[in-house]
Amino acid sequence: MLQLTIEHGSPVAPFDQVRAQLVDLIASSTLIAGTRLPTVRGLAEQLGIAPNTVAKAYRALENDGFIETNGRNGTVVSAQGDVAEQQAQLAAQAYVARAQQLGVPASAALEYVRRAFGE
């Protein structure tokens, strides 16, 4: 579950708090390209705020290129950085998805990547 918090007494609007926290998570690569975000209603319920507030934050993030909304397929984090970084993020997401399908533990999957880099 995505760990965001809302400070209800803050002078910063809740939509700005949601947007800023998601930008930080994406910029720090805590959330990588292809990561699925909660539904608008789900995140609103989790945070105790109105769905329109989350929808407004998601729209702002989409306009800024941080996320993509794919209708019924959900909202995901967009690839960030230059073209090479974007492609690497997408390849990493595909690798993780395939490793999970195969039942490979994260520690083993990471070790395979280290070996591939010759480490």
C-alpha atoms as a PDB file:
ATOM      1  CA  MET A   1       0.000   0.000   0.000  1.00  0.00           C
ATOM      2  CA  LEU A   2       1.222   3.484  -0.892  1.00  0.00           C
ATOM      3  CA  GLN A   3       2.290   5.358   2.233  1.00  0.00           C
ATOM      4  CA  LEU A   4       1.084   8.952   1.935  1.00  0.00           C
ATOM      5  CA  THR A   5      -0.136  11.192   4.716  1.00  0.00           C
ATOM      6  CA  ILE A   6      -2.244  14.318   4.873  1.00  0.00           C
ATOM      7  CA  GLU A   7      -1.643  16.953   7.521  1.00  0.00           C
ATOM      8  CA  HIS A   8      -5.163  18.286   7.932  1.00  0.00           C
ATOM      9  CA  GLY A   9      -4.030  21.380   9.865  1.00  0.00           C
ATOM     10  CA  SER A  10      -1.424  22.313   7.264  1.00  0.00           C
ATOM     11  CA  PRO A  11      -1.725  25.531   5.251  1.00  0.00           C
ATOM     12  CA  VAL A  12      -0.814  23.425   2.184  1.00  0.00           C
ATOM     13  CA  ALA A  13      -3.918  22.190   0.377  1.00  0.00           C
ATOM     14  CA  PRO A  14      -4.469  18.414   0.546  1.00  0.00           C
ATOM     15  CA  PHE A  15      -4.235  18.090  -3.248  1.00  0.00           C
ATOM     16  CA  ASP A  16      -0.805  19.809  -3.132  1.00  0.00           C
ATOM     17  CA  GLN A  17       0.287  17.482  -0.321  1.00  0.00           C
ATOM     18  CA  VAL A  18      -0.684  14.414  -2.377  1.00  0.00           C
ATOM     19  CA  ARG A  19       0.961  15.790  -5.509  1.00  0.00           C
ATOM     20  CA  ALA A  20       4.196  16.760  -3.740  1.00  0.00           C
ATOM     21  CA  GLN A  21       4.531  13.413  -1.963  1.00  0.00           C
ATOM     22  CA  LEU A  22       4.022  11.494  -5.209  1.00  0.00           C
ATOM     23  CA  VAL A  23       6.527  13.715  -7.046  1.00  0.00           C
ATOM     24  CA  ASP A  24       9.077  13.010  -4.286  1.00  0.00           C
ATOM     25  CA  LEU A  25       8.470   9.248  -4.488  1.00  0.00           C
ATOM     26  CA  ILE A  26       8.811   9.275  -8.274  1.00  0.00           C
ATOM     27  CA  ALA A  27      11.863  11.587  -8.327  1.00  0.00           C
ATOM     28  CA  SER A  28      13.642   9.421  -5.730  1.00  0.00           C
ATOM     29  CA  SER A  29      12.827   6.277  -7.785  1.00  0.00           C
ATOM     30  CA  THR A  30      10.865   4.838  -4.867  1.00  0.00           C
ATOM     31  CA  LEU A  31       8.060   4.580  -7.418  1.00  0.00           C
ATOM     32  CA  ILE A  32       9.429   3.492 -10.793  1.00  0.00           C
ATOM     33  CA  ALA A  33       7.951   3.509 -14.270  1.00  0.00           C
ATOM     34  CA  GLY A  34       4.975   1.207 -14.576  1.00  0.00           C
ATOM     35  CA  THR A  35       4.164   1.168 -10.873  1.00  0.00           C
ATOM     36  CA  ARG A  36       0.390   1.105 -10.534  1.00  0.00           C
ATOM     37  CA  LEU A  37      -1.101   3.764  -8.284  1.00  0.00           C
ATOM     38  CA  PRO A  38      -4.218   3.289  -6.173  1.00  0.00           C
ATOM     39  CA  THR A  39      -7.569   4.246  -7.636  1.00  0.00           C
ATOM     40  CA  VAL A  40      -8.776   7.762  -6.966  1.00  0.00           C
ATOM     41  CA  ARG A  41     -11.480   6.459  -4.633  1.00  0.00           C
ATOM     42  CA  GLY A  42      -9.115   4.036  -2.914  1.00  0.00           C
ATOM     43  CA  LEU A  43      -6.473   6.657  -2.176  1.00  0.00           C
ATOM     44  CA  ALA A  44      -9.096   9.190  -1.096  1.00  0.00           C
ATOM     45  CA  GLU A  45     -10.522   6.683   1.358  1.00  0.00           C
ATOM     46  CA  GLN A  46      -7.054   5.776   2.648  1.00  0.00           C
ATOM     47  CA  LEU A  47      -6.198   9.448   3.233  1.00  0.00           C
ATOM     48  CA  GLY A  48      -9.612  10.538   4.484  1.00  0.00           C
ATOM     49  CA  ILE A  49     -10.075  13.166   1.790  1.00  0.00           C
ATOM     50  CA  ALA A  50     -12.553  13.732  -1.039  1.00  0.00           C
ATOM     51  CA  PRO A  51     -12.084  11.744  -4.267  1.00  0.00           C
ATOM     52  CA  ASN A  52     -12.113  15.015  -6.246  1.00  0.00           C
ATOM     53  CA  THR A  53      -9.017  16.103  -4.288  1.00  0.00           C
ATOM     54  CA  VAL A  54      -7.094  12.996  -5.363  1.00  0.00           C
ATOM     55  CA  ALA A  55      -8.426  13.321  -8.917  1.00  0.00           C
ATOM     56  CA  LYS A  56      -7.139  16.913  -9.035  1.00  0.00           C
ATOM     57  CA  ALA A  57      -3.687  15.782  -7.843  1.00  0.00           C
ATOM     58  CA  TYR A  58      -3.615  12.951 -10.394  1.00  0.00           C
ATOM     59  CA  ARG A  59      -4.605  15.380 -13.202  1.00  0.00           C
ATOM     60  CA  ALA A  60      -1.791  17.756 -12.217  1.00  0.00           C
ATOM     61  CA  LEU A  61       0.715  14.888 -12.115  1.00  0.00           C
ATOM     62  CA  GLU A  62      -0.460  13.647 -15.501  1.00  0.00           C
ATOM     63  CA  ASN A  63      -0.169  17.129 -17.013  1.00  0.00           C
ATOM     64  CA  ASP A  64       3.403  17.321 -15.683  1.00  0.00           C
ATOM     65  CA  GLY A  65       4.303  13.905 -17.141  1.00  0.00           C
ATOM     66  CA  PHE A  66       4.753  12.018 -13.860  1.00  0.00           C
ATOM     67  CA  ILE A  67       1.868   9.584 -14.319  1.00  0.00           C
ATOM     68  CA  GLU A  68      -0.340   8.166 -17.070  1.00  0.00           C
ATOM     69  CA  THR A  69      -4.004   7.289 -16.733  1.00  0.00           C
ATOM     70  CA  ASN A  70      -5.091   4.378 -18.879  1.00  0.00           C
ATOM     71  CA  GLY A  71      -8.835   4.402 -18.272  1.00  0.00           C
ATOM     72  CA  ARG A  72      -9.996   1.111 -16.776  1.00  0.00           C
ATOM     73  CA  ASN A  73      -6.404  -0.167 -16.760  1.00  0.00           C
ATOM     74  CA  GLY A  74      -5.527   2.267 -14.002  1.00  0.00           C
ATOM     75  CA  THR A  75      -2.970   4.934 -13.328  1.00  0.00           C
ATOM     76  CA  VAL A  76       0.747   4.195 -13.515  1.00  0.00           C
ATOM     77  CA  VAL A  77       4.004   6.055 -13.005  1.00  0.00           C
ATOM     78  CA  SER A  78       5.480   7.359 -16.275  1.00  0.00           C
ATOM     79  CA  ALA A  79       9.112   6.812 -17.209  1.00  0.00           C
ATOM     80  CA  GLN A  80      11.243   9.793 -16.163  1.00  0.00           C
ATOM     81  CA  GLY A  81      14.550  11.284 -17.337  1.00  0.00           C
ATOM     82  CA  ASP A  82      16.200  11.082 -20.726  1.00  0.00           C
ATOM     83  CA  VAL A  83      15.312   8.431 -23.274  1.00  0.00           C
ATOM     84  CA  ALA A  84      17.940   5.958 -22.006  1.00  0.00           C
ATOM     85  CA  GLU A  85      16.717   6.315 -18.412  1.00  0.00           C
ATOM     86  CA  GLN A  86      13.106   5.913 -19.518  1.00  0.00           C
ATOM     87  CA  GLN A  87      13.920   2.733 -21.429  1.00  0.00           C
ATOM     88  CA  ALA A  88      15.922   1.345 -18.496  1.00  0.00           C
ATOM     89  CA  GLN A  89      13.003   2.015 -16.134  1.00  0.00           C
ATOM     90  CA  LEU A  90      10.574   0.264 -18.445  1.00  0.00           C
ATOM     91  CA  ALA A  91      12.953  -2.687 -18.864  1.00  0.00           C
ATOM     92  CA  ALA A  92      13.335  -2.936 -15.085  1.00  0.00           C
ATOM     93  CA  GLN A  93       9.579  -2.984 -14.626  1.00  0.00           C
ATOM     94  CA  ALA A  94       9.216  -5.704 -17.269  1.00  0.00           C
ATOM     95  CA  TYR A  95      11.984  -7.748 -15.625  1.00  0.00           C
ATOM     96  CA  VAL A  96      10.336  -7.469 -12.205  1.00  0.00           C
ATOM     97  CA  ALA A  97       6.957  -8.485 -13.615  1.00  0.00           C
ATOM     98  CA  ARG A  98       8.481 -11.541 -15.333  1.00  0.00           C
ATOM     99  CA  ALA A  99      10.508 -12.559 -12.257  1.00  0.00           C
ATOM    100  CA  GLN A 100       7.338 -12.345 -10.148  1.00  0.00           C
ATOM    101  CA  GLN A 101       5.453 -14.490 -12.673  1.00  0.00           C
ATOM    102  CA  LEU A 102       8.191 -17.095 -12.388  1.00  0.00           C
ATOM    103  CA  GLY A 103       8.144 -16.966  -8.596  1.00  0.00           C
ATOM    104  CA  VAL A 104      11.735 -15.715  -8.364  1.00  0.00           C
ATOM    105  CA  PRO A 105      12.370 -13.942  -5.031  1.00  0.00           C
ATOM    106  CA  ALA A 106      13.450 -10.296  -5.230  1.00  0.00           C
ATOM    107  CA  SER A 107      16.833 -11.080  -3.657  1.00  0.00           C
ATOM    108  CA  ALA A 108      17.605 -13.663  -6.346  1.00  0.00           C
ATOM    109  CA  ALA A 109      16.366 -11.406  -9.154  1.00  0.00           C
ATOM    110  CA  LEU A 110      18.620  -8.590  -7.913  1.00  0.00           C
ATOM    111  CA  GLU A 111      21.560 -10.978  -7.734  1.00  0.00           C
ATOM    112  CA  TYR A 112      20.977 -11.947 -11.377  1.00  0.00           C
ATOM    113  CA  VAL A 113      21.137  -8.275 -12.336  1.00  0.00           C
ATOM    114  CA  ARG A 114      24.372  -7.754 -10.362  1.00  0.00           C
ATOM    115  CA  ARG A 115      25.928 -10.759 -12.109  1.00  0.00           C
ATOM    116  CA  ALA A 116      24.787  -9.469 -15.496  1.00  0.00           C
ATOM    117  CA  PHE A 117      26.637  -6.222 -14.750  1.00  0.00           C
ATOM    118  CA  GLY A 118      29.721  -8.242 -13.814  1.00  0.00           C
ATOM    119  CA  GLU A 119      29.623  -7.329 -10.149  1.00  0.00           C
END
